[in-house]
Amino acid sequence: MRGKWPRARRDFGQGHTVAASAEEMSANVASVATGMEEASCQPGTVANATEEMTATIGEIAENSEKARGITQDATQQADRITAMMKQLGGAAQDIGKVTETITISPRKQSPGAPMPPSRPPGPGPRAKLRGGRPRNSKN
């Protein structure tokens, strides 16, 4: 009977090894299951994040369009103001020319040219000598 015990020991050792391997495999399967469960949750999280990013991008695009419109309006108003300023500048130059002409005009006249009257016409110095009556007076 001696021959039977070593085989039994060997079989017992192999059985123990098989049991340990089965236990390790069970742990590995549980780890894989946990990993798959986590992986199955992640697509939902990624999908939610993608939705949020898409909504944010849409808001950015909308705000960018509003900003473009505001900038375009501001540019048009600036162009109108520039045109008005050019017109006002031209009018100011014309007014300056007229003012200069009025100021310089009496100085440019020749010494013999008559000056415009500085007082309203009335009896001159000779009329005063005749008693304040003009020459063609019938009184």
C-alpha atoms as a PDB file:
ATOM      1  CA  MET A   1       0.000   0.000   0.000  1.00  0.00           C
ATOM      2  CA  ARG A   2       2.865   2.181   0.108  1.00  0.00           C
ATOM      3  CA  GLY A   3       2.505   3.018  -3.500  1.00  0.00           C
ATOM      4  CA  LYS A   4      -0.914   4.499  -3.121  1.00  0.00           C
ATOM      5  CA  TRP A   5      -0.035   7.308  -0.668  1.00  0.00           C
ATOM      6  CA  PRO A   6       2.357   9.269  -2.788  1.00  0.00           C
ATOM      7  CA  ARG A   7      -0.170   9.375  -5.530  1.00  0.00           C
ATOM      8  CA  ALA A   8      -2.800  10.588  -3.085  1.00  0.00           C
ATOM      9  CA  ARG A   9      -0.440  13.261  -1.879  1.00  0.00           C
ATOM     10  CA  ARG A  10       0.246  14.288  -5.394  1.00  0.00           C
ATOM     11  CA  ASP A  11      -3.452  14.346  -6.199  1.00  0.00           C
ATOM     12  CA  PHE A  12      -4.140  16.320  -3.024  1.00  0.00           C
ATOM     13  CA  GLY A  13      -1.416  18.831  -3.970  1.00  0.00           C
ATOM     14  CA  GLN A  14      -2.822  19.186  -7.443  1.00  0.00           C
ATOM     15  CA  GLY A  15      -6.322  19.602  -6.065  1.00  0.00           C
ATOM     16  CA  HIS A  16      -5.084  22.337  -3.772  1.00  0.00           C
ATOM     17  CA  THR A  17      -3.381  24.020  -6.742  1.00  0.00           C
ATOM     18  CA  VAL A  18      -6.573  23.762  -8.812  1.00  0.00           C
ATOM     19  CA  ALA A  19      -8.615  25.251  -5.971  1.00  0.00           C
ATOM     20  CA  ALA A  20      -6.148  28.118  -5.577  1.00  0.00           C
ATOM     21  CA  SER A  21      -6.186  28.736  -9.319  1.00  0.00           C
ATOM     22  CA  ALA A  22      -9.966  28.679  -9.368  1.00  0.00           C
ATOM     23  CA  GLU A  23     -10.013  31.201  -6.512  1.00  0.00           C
ATOM     24  CA  GLU A  24      -7.568  33.463  -8.346  1.00  0.00           C
ATOM     25  CA  MET A  25      -9.604  33.164 -11.526  1.00  0.00           C
ATOM     26  CA  SER A  26     -12.748  34.080  -9.616  1.00  0.00           C
ATOM     27  CA  ALA A  27     -11.007  37.214  -8.290  1.00  0.00           C
ATOM     28  CA  ASN A  28      -9.870  38.104 -11.815  1.00  0.00           C
ATOM     29  CA  VAL A  29     -13.394  37.657 -13.172  1.00  0.00           C
ATOM     30  CA  ALA A  30     -14.744  39.910 -10.404  1.00  0.00           C
ATOM     31  CA  SER A  31     -12.102  42.535 -11.253  1.00  0.00           C
ATOM     32  CA  VAL A  32     -13.023  42.365 -14.942  1.00  0.00           C
ATOM     33  CA  ALA A  33     -16.719  42.700 -14.050  1.00  0.00           C
ATOM     34  CA  THR A  34     -15.992  45.769 -11.922  1.00  0.00           C
ATOM     35  CA  GLY A  35     -13.929  47.277 -14.729  1.00  0.00           C
ATOM     36  CA  MET A  36     -16.684  46.628 -17.254  1.00  0.00           C
ATOM     37  CA  GLU A  37     -19.249  48.180 -14.932  1.00  0.00           C
ATOM     38  CA  GLU A  38     -17.087  51.290 -14.579  1.00  0.00           C
ATOM     39  CA  ALA A  39     -16.531  51.380 -18.320  1.00  0.00           C
ATOM     40  CA  SER A  40     -20.265  51.132 -18.955  1.00  0.00           C
ATOM     41  CA  CYS A  41     -20.843  54.142 -16.639  1.00  0.00           C
ATOM     42  CA  GLN A  42     -18.172  56.235 -18.319  1.00  0.00           C
ATOM     43  CA  PRO A  43     -19.919  56.531 -21.714  1.00  0.00           C
ATOM     44  CA  GLY A  44     -22.901  58.084 -19.939  1.00  0.00           C
ATOM     45  CA  THR A  45     -20.622  60.553 -18.202  1.00  0.00           C
ATOM     46  CA  VAL A  46     -18.853  61.308 -21.466  1.00  0.00           C
ATOM     47  CA  ALA A  47     -22.205  61.752 -23.206  1.00  0.00           C
ATOM     48  CA  ASN A  48     -23.388  64.210 -20.530  1.00  0.00           C
ATOM     49  CA  ALA A  49     -20.136  66.155 -20.720  1.00  0.00           C
ATOM     50  CA  THR A  50     -20.397  66.236 -24.520  1.00  0.00           C
ATOM     51  CA  GLU A  51     -23.951  67.595 -24.297  1.00  0.00           C
ATOM     52  CA  GLU A  52     -22.829  70.321 -21.895  1.00  0.00           C
ATOM     53  CA  MET A  53     -19.911  71.245 -24.144  1.00  0.00           C
ATOM     54  CA  THR A  54     -22.199  71.391 -27.176  1.00  0.00           C
ATOM     55  CA  ALA A  55     -24.605  73.705 -25.332  1.00  0.00           C
ATOM     56  CA  THR A  56     -21.709  75.925 -24.238  1.00  0.00           C
ATOM     57  CA  ILE A  57     -20.349  76.094 -27.777  1.00  0.00           C
ATOM     58  CA  GLY A  58     -23.826  77.077 -28.983  1.00  0.00           C
ATOM     59  CA  GLU A  59     -23.971  79.888 -26.410  1.00  0.00           C
ATOM     60  CA  ILE A  60     -20.512  81.080 -27.424  1.00  0.00           C
ATOM     61  CA  ALA A  61     -21.559  81.134 -31.078  1.00  0.00           C
ATOM     62  CA  GLU A  62     -24.730  83.070 -30.218  1.00  0.00           C
ATOM     63  CA  ASN A  63     -22.807  85.618 -28.140  1.00  0.00           C
ATOM     64  CA  SER A  64     -20.190  85.947 -30.876  1.00  0.00           C
ATOM     65  CA  GLU A  65     -22.935  86.742 -33.387  1.00  0.00           C
ATOM     66  CA  LYS A  66     -24.373  89.397 -31.056  1.00  0.00           C
ATOM     67  CA  ALA A  67     -20.902  90.900 -30.601  1.00  0.00           C
ATOM     68  CA  ARG A  68     -20.402  90.969 -34.379  1.00  0.00           C
ATOM     69  CA  GLY A  69     -23.688  92.849 -34.818  1.00  0.00           C
ATOM     70  CA  ILE A  70     -22.802  95.353 -32.104  1.00  0.00           C
ATOM     71  CA  THR A  71     -19.377  95.912 -33.655  1.00  0.00           C
ATOM     72  CA  GLN A  72     -20.918  96.400 -37.083  1.00  0.00           C
ATOM     73  CA  ASP A  73     -23.388  98.986 -35.695  1.00  0.00           C
ATOM     74  CA  ALA A  74     -20.591 100.799 -33.876  1.00  0.00           C
ATOM     75  CA  THR A  75     -18.529 100.909 -37.071  1.00  0.00           C
ATOM     76  CA  GLN A  76     -21.451 102.371 -39.030  1.00  0.00           C
ATOM     77  CA  GLN A  77     -22.051 105.004 -36.347  1.00  0.00           C
ATOM     78  CA  ALA A  78     -18.347 105.895 -36.345  1.00  0.00           C
ATOM     79  CA  ASP A  79     -18.453 106.285 -40.136  1.00  0.00           C
ATOM     80  CA  ARG A  80     -21.493 108.601 -39.878  1.00  0.00           C
ATOM     81  CA  ILE A  81     -19.820 110.668 -37.161  1.00  0.00           C
ATOM     82  CA  THR A  82     -16.661 110.936 -39.267  1.00  0.00           C
ATOM     83  CA  ALA A  83     -18.683 112.198 -42.246  1.00  0.00           C
ATOM     84  CA  MET A  84     -20.471 114.736 -40.032  1.00  0.00           C
ATOM     85  CA  MET A  85     -17.153 115.935 -38.607  1.00  0.00           C
ATOM     86  CA  LYS A  86     -15.794 116.423 -42.132  1.00  0.00           C
ATOM     87  CA  GLN A  87     -18.878 118.469 -43.033  1.00  0.00           C
ATOM     88  CA  LEU A  88     -18.539 120.552 -39.872  1.00  0.00           C
ATOM     89  CA  GLY A  89     -14.845 121.071 -40.605  1.00  0.00           C
ATOM     90  CA  GLY A  90     -15.658 122.278 -44.121  1.00  0.00           C
ATOM     91  CA  ALA A  91     -18.343 124.618 -42.765  1.00  0.00           C
ATOM     92  CA  ALA A  92     -15.884 125.986 -40.195  1.00  0.00           C
ATOM     93  CA  GLN A  93     -13.353 126.674 -42.948  1.00  0.00           C
ATOM     94  CA  ASP A  94     -16.007 128.481 -45.016  1.00  0.00           C
ATOM     95  CA  ILE A  95     -17.015 130.576 -41.990  1.00  0.00           C
ATOM     96  CA  GLY A  96     -13.347 131.378 -41.377  1.00  0.00           C
ATOM     97  CA  LYS A  97     -12.925 132.561 -44.979  1.00  0.00           C
ATOM     98  CA  VAL A  98     -15.989 134.799 -44.732  1.00  0.00           C
ATOM     99  CA  THR A  99     -14.787 136.219 -41.407  1.00  0.00           C
ATOM    100  CA  GLU A 100     -11.339 136.857 -42.857  1.00  0.00           C
ATOM    101  CA  THR A 101     -12.843 138.583 -45.890  1.00  0.00           C
ATOM    102  CA  ILE A 102     -14.945 140.832 -43.662  1.00  0.00           C
ATOM    103  CA  THR A 103     -11.973 141.698 -41.454  1.00  0.00           C
ATOM    104  CA  ILE A 104      -9.466 142.326 -44.237  1.00  0.00           C
ATOM    105  CA  SER A 105     -11.805 144.021 -46.732  1.00  0.00           C
ATOM    106  CA  PRO A 106     -11.591 147.614 -45.301  1.00  0.00           C
ATOM    107  CA  ARG A 107      -7.790 147.383 -45.061  1.00  0.00           C
ATOM    108  CA  LYS A 108      -7.383 146.371 -48.718  1.00  0.00           C
ATOM    109  CA  GLN A 109      -9.156 149.411 -50.109  1.00  0.00           C
ATOM    110  CA  SER A 110      -6.974 152.044 -51.769  1.00  0.00           C
ATOM    111  CA  PRO A 111      -6.385 155.276 -49.858  1.00  0.00           C
ATOM    112  CA  GLY A 112      -8.519 157.303 -52.291  1.00  0.00           C
ATOM    113  CA  ALA A 113     -11.490 154.953 -52.268  1.00  0.00           C
ATOM    114  CA  PRO A 114     -14.444 156.101 -50.237  1.00  0.00           C
ATOM    115  CA  MET A 115     -14.877 154.412 -46.887  1.00  0.00           C
ATOM    116  CA  PRO A 116     -18.270 153.238 -45.863  1.00  0.00           C
ATOM    117  CA  PRO A 117     -20.026 155.788 -43.656  1.00  0.00           C
ATOM    118  CA  SER A 118     -19.428 155.394 -39.962  1.00  0.00           C
ATOM    119  CA  ARG A 119     -22.577 157.422 -39.085  1.00  0.00           C
ATOM    120  CA  PRO A 120     -25.919 157.872 -40.723  1.00  0.00           C
ATOM    121  CA  PRO A 121     -26.069 160.607 -43.390  1.00  0.00           C
ATOM    122  CA  GLY A 122     -27.191 163.958 -42.101  1.00  0.00           C
ATOM    123  CA  PRO A 123     -26.333 167.620 -42.511  1.00  0.00           C
ATOM    124  CA  GLY A 124     -22.631 168.022 -43.098  1.00  0.00           C
ATOM    125  CA  PRO A 125     -20.279 170.701 -41.674  1.00  0.00           C
ATOM    126  CA  ARG A 126     -21.238 173.328 -44.379  1.00  0.00           C
ATOM    127  CA  ALA A 127     -24.933 173.024 -43.595  1.00  0.00           C
ATOM    128  CA  LYS A 128     -24.128 173.812 -40.017  1.00  0.00           C
ATOM    129  CA  LEU A 129     -22.460 177.050 -41.118  1.00  0.00           C
ATOM    130  CA  ARG A 130     -25.649 178.131 -42.925  1.00  0.00           C
ATOM    131  CA  GLY A 131     -27.761 177.587 -39.906  1.00  0.00           C
ATOM    132  CA  GLY A 132     -28.224 173.872 -40.039  1.00  0.00           C
ATOM    133  CA  ARG A 133     -30.211 173.884 -43.308  1.00  0.00           C
ATOM    134  CA  PRO A 134     -29.181 171.736 -46.216  1.00  0.00           C
ATOM    135  CA  ARG A 135     -28.335 173.458 -49.513  1.00  0.00           C
ATOM    136  CA  ASN A 136     -31.614 172.781 -51.324  1.00  0.00           C
ATOM    137  CA  SER A 137     -33.764 173.654 -48.379  1.00  0.00           C
ATOM    138  CA  LYS A 138     -36.728 175.917 -49.100  1.00  0.00           C
ATOM    139  CA  ASN A 139     -37.209 177.089 -45.559  1.00  0.00           C
END
